[in-house]
Protein backbone atom coordinates (compact mmCIF):
# COMPACT_ATOMS: atom_id res chain seq x y z
CA MET A 1 -0.12 -0.12 -0.36
CA LYS A 2 1.17 3.26 -0.96
CA THR A 3 2.30 5.55 1.72
CA ILE A 4 0.20 8.88 2.57
CA SER A 5 1.49 12.04 1.98
CA LEU A 6 2.65 14.52 4.77
CA ASP A 7 0.38 16.89 3.59
CA LEU A 8 -2.73 14.79 3.67
CA ARG A 9 -1.92 13.75 6.88
CA GLU A 10 -1.78 17.20 8.17
CA ARG A 11 -5.06 17.87 6.71
CA ILE A 12 -6.44 14.56 8.28
CA LEU A 13 -5.47 15.76 11.91
CA ALA A 14 -6.60 19.40 11.52
CA ALA A 15 -10.01 18.23 10.62
CA TYR A 16 -10.01 16.18 13.20
CA ASP A 17 -8.74 18.47 15.85
CA GLY A 18 -11.25 21.52 14.43
CA GLY A 19 -14.19 19.10 15.28
CA ASP A 20 -15.43 18.28 11.52
CA GLY A 21 -16.49 15.11 12.67
CA THR A 22 -15.71 11.55 14.13
CA ARG A 23 -12.71 9.37 12.98
CA GLU A 24 -15.05 7.46 10.75
CA GLU A 25 -16.20 10.82 8.98
CA VAL A 26 -13.25 12.17 8.88
CA GLY A 27 -11.87 8.90 7.26
CA ARG A 28 -14.81 8.85 4.74
CA ARG A 29 -14.13 12.50 3.72
CA PHE A 30 -10.10 11.95 3.34
CA ARG A 31 -10.88 8.47 1.60
CA VAL A 32 -8.95 6.68 4.16
CA SER A 33 -9.63 4.29 6.96
CA THR A 34 -10.65 4.44 10.35
CA GLY A 35 -7.72 2.68 11.55
CA MET A 36 -5.31 5.30 9.62
CA VAL A 37 -7.16 8.00 11.28
CA LYS A 38 -6.68 6.08 14.74
CA LYS A 39 -2.80 5.53 13.98
CA LEU A 40 -1.97 9.00 12.93
CA LEU A 41 -3.81 10.34 16.28
CA GLN A 42 -1.98 7.60 18.23
CA GLN A 43 1.74 8.51 16.62
CA ARG A 44 0.93 12.23 17.18
CA ARG A 45 0.59 11.61 20.79
CA HIS A 46 3.14 9.08 21.20
CA THR A 47 6.17 10.86 19.28
CA GLY A 48 4.93 14.38 18.41
CA GLU A 49 5.73 13.48 14.72
CA ILE A 50 3.00 12.45 11.93
CA GLY A 51 5.53 11.62 9.25
CA PRO A 52 5.97 8.00 7.61
CA ARG A 53 7.84 5.87 9.60
CA HIS A 54 8.67 2.82 7.11
CA TYR A 55 11.86 2.54 8.93
CA ARG A 56 10.70 0.97 11.93
CA SER A 57 8.58 -1.60 9.95
CA GLY A 58 9.35 -5.42 9.64
CA ARG A 59 11.08 -7.87 11.55
CA LYS A 60 14.17 -6.76 13.32
CA PRO A 61 17.14 -8.75 12.85
CA ARG A 62 18.36 -11.24 15.96
CA ILE A 63 21.87 -11.52 14.26
CA LEU A 64 23.30 -8.25 14.52
CA GLY A 65 26.82 -6.97 13.94
CA CYS A 66 28.58 -8.14 16.76
CA HIS A 67 27.04 -11.33 16.27
CA ARG A 68 28.25 -11.15 12.28
CA GLU A 69 31.66 -10.83 13.42
CA SER A 70 31.85 -13.54 16.11
CA LEU A 71 30.65 -15.94 13.60
CA ARG A 72 33.57 -14.80 11.55
CA GLY A 73 35.90 -15.27 14.02
CA LEU A 74 34.15 -19.07 14.66
CA LEU A 75 34.68 -20.21 11.30
CA ALA A 76 38.17 -18.78 11.10
CA ASP A 77 39.36 -20.97 14.07
CA LYS A 78 36.95 -23.89 13.00
CA PRO A 79 35.68 -23.88 9.81
CA ASP A 80 33.80 -27.34 9.79
CA MET A 81 31.30 -26.06 12.82
CA THR A 82 27.40 -26.83 11.80
CA LEU A 83 24.59 -24.32 11.63
CA ALA A 84 23.43 -25.76 14.95
CA GLU A 85 27.15 -25.32 16.80
CA LEU A 86 27.23 -22.13 15.35
CA ARG A 87 23.97 -20.95 17.16
CA SER A 88 24.92 -22.65 20.67
CA ALA A 89 28.37 -20.91 20.31
CA LEU A 90 26.58 -17.82 20.10
CA ALA A 91 23.84 -18.12 22.33
CA ILE A 92 21.36 -16.76 20.27
CA GLU A 93 17.81 -17.64 19.70
CA CYS A 94 17.12 -17.79 15.85
CA SER A 95 16.28 -20.70 12.90
CA LEU A 96 19.23 -22.38 11.44
CA PRO A 97 18.22 -20.77 7.82
CA ALA A 98 18.59 -17.83 9.52
CA ILE A 99 21.95 -18.03 10.65
CA HIS A 100 22.96 -19.46 6.72
CA TYR A 101 21.30 -16.79 5.32
CA VAL A 102 24.07 -14.25 7.20
CA LEU A 103 26.72 -16.87 6.64
CA ALA A 104 25.47 -16.36 2.48
CA ALA A 105 25.45 -12.88 2.92
CA MET A 106 29.03 -12.39 4.24
CA GLY A 107 30.47 -15.04 1.71
CA LEU A 108 31.14 -17.56 4.38
CA THR A 109 30.71 -21.13 4.35
CA TYR A 110 30.40 -23.49 6.49
CA LYS A 111 30.18 -26.92 5.04
CA LYS A 112 31.87 -29.90 6.50
CA ARG A 113 32.77 -32.01 3.20
CA ARG A 114 35.13 -29.23 2.21
CA PHE A 115 37.19 -30.32 5.16
CA ALA A 116 36.33 -33.70 6.15
CA GLN A 117 37.73 -36.65 4.70
CA LEU A 118 35.90 -37.91 1.64
CA ASN A 119 33.56 -40.73 1.35
CA ARG A 120 35.10 -44.02 0.44
CA THR A 121 31.77 -44.94 -1.55
CA GLY A 122 32.60 -43.88 -5.37
CA GLN A 123 31.11 -43.74 -8.60
CA THR A 124 28.17 -46.41 -8.85
CA LEU A 125 27.52 -46.91 -12.27
CA ARG A 126 30.98 -47.03 -14.64
CA ARG A 127 29.21 -47.79 -18.02
CA ARG A 128 27.37 -45.41 -20.17
CA ALA A 129 24.20 -44.83 -19.96
CA ASP A 130 22.21 -46.43 -23.23
CA ASP A 131 21.38 -44.33 -25.85
CA GLY A 132 17.92 -45.63 -26.49
CA SER A 133 19.03 -46.84 -30.09
CA GLY A 134 18.53 -50.49 -28.67
CA SER A 135 15.35 -52.76 -30.05
CA LYS A 136 12.74 -53.00 -27.36
CA ALA A 137 12.92 -56.68 -27.14
CA ALA A 138 16.30 -55.74 -25.47
CA TRP A 139 14.89 -54.14 -22.42
CA THR A 140 11.40 -55.45 -22.09
CA ARG A 141 10.52 -59.38 -21.26
CA PRO A 142 7.86 -60.62 -23.95
CA SER A 143 5.13 -61.36 -21.53
CA SER A 144 5.47 -58.83 -18.49
CA SER A 145 2.63 -56.80 -19.71
CA SER A 146 -0.98 -57.62 -19.26
CA SER A 147 -2.41 -55.47 -22.34
CA THR A 148 -0.42 -58.19 -24.99
CA SER A 149 -1.11 -61.40 -22.90
CA ARG A 150 -4.47 -63.14 -24.31
CA ARG A 151 -6.42 -65.24 -22.51
CA PRO A 152 -8.57 -67.96 -23.18
CA ARG A 153 -11.60 -67.54 -24.49
CA ARG A 154 -14.54 -69.08 -22.53
CA THR A 155 -16.86 -71.52 -24.26
C-alpha cells in the first residue's frame, strides 16, 4: 500500500482537531480508513511526529553486527562447524536458516565436506547409459504386460 503524503496527514489531523467529525467521518471524507486516522492520532500523541515511519517496519534482525563478527571468528578458528554448533556458540535464539542466510550474505561457508575426509563410496555406475537406440526386445520381457497377453476364450 502506498504511503500517505505528509500534506494529507496534516489535513486529516487538522480536520479531526477542528471538530469536523468523528474518526469515521474524517476517514470517509479523506478516503482513508478509520484505523489510519486512529494510528495518526496515536503516533502524534506518542512521538509528536506524523511522518511515515517505514524505517521501523518489518521484522527486527536477531543476528546483529556483533554476532556477525563472532561468526567470522568462529569459522576462522573451526571452519567445519555446523549451523547448530554456530547457533549454540553464539547463544542466540534464531532459526538455522537465519544463520545460513547471514553466512551466505557475508560470503562465508560452513560445509563440513570441504574439510572432512571424503566418502569411500565411489561412482556406482561406470558404464555409459544406453542411448535408446537398442531394440525394445532388449529391455522388456515379452510376457510382462497384461495388455499384450491373450486370455483363453470361455466356451
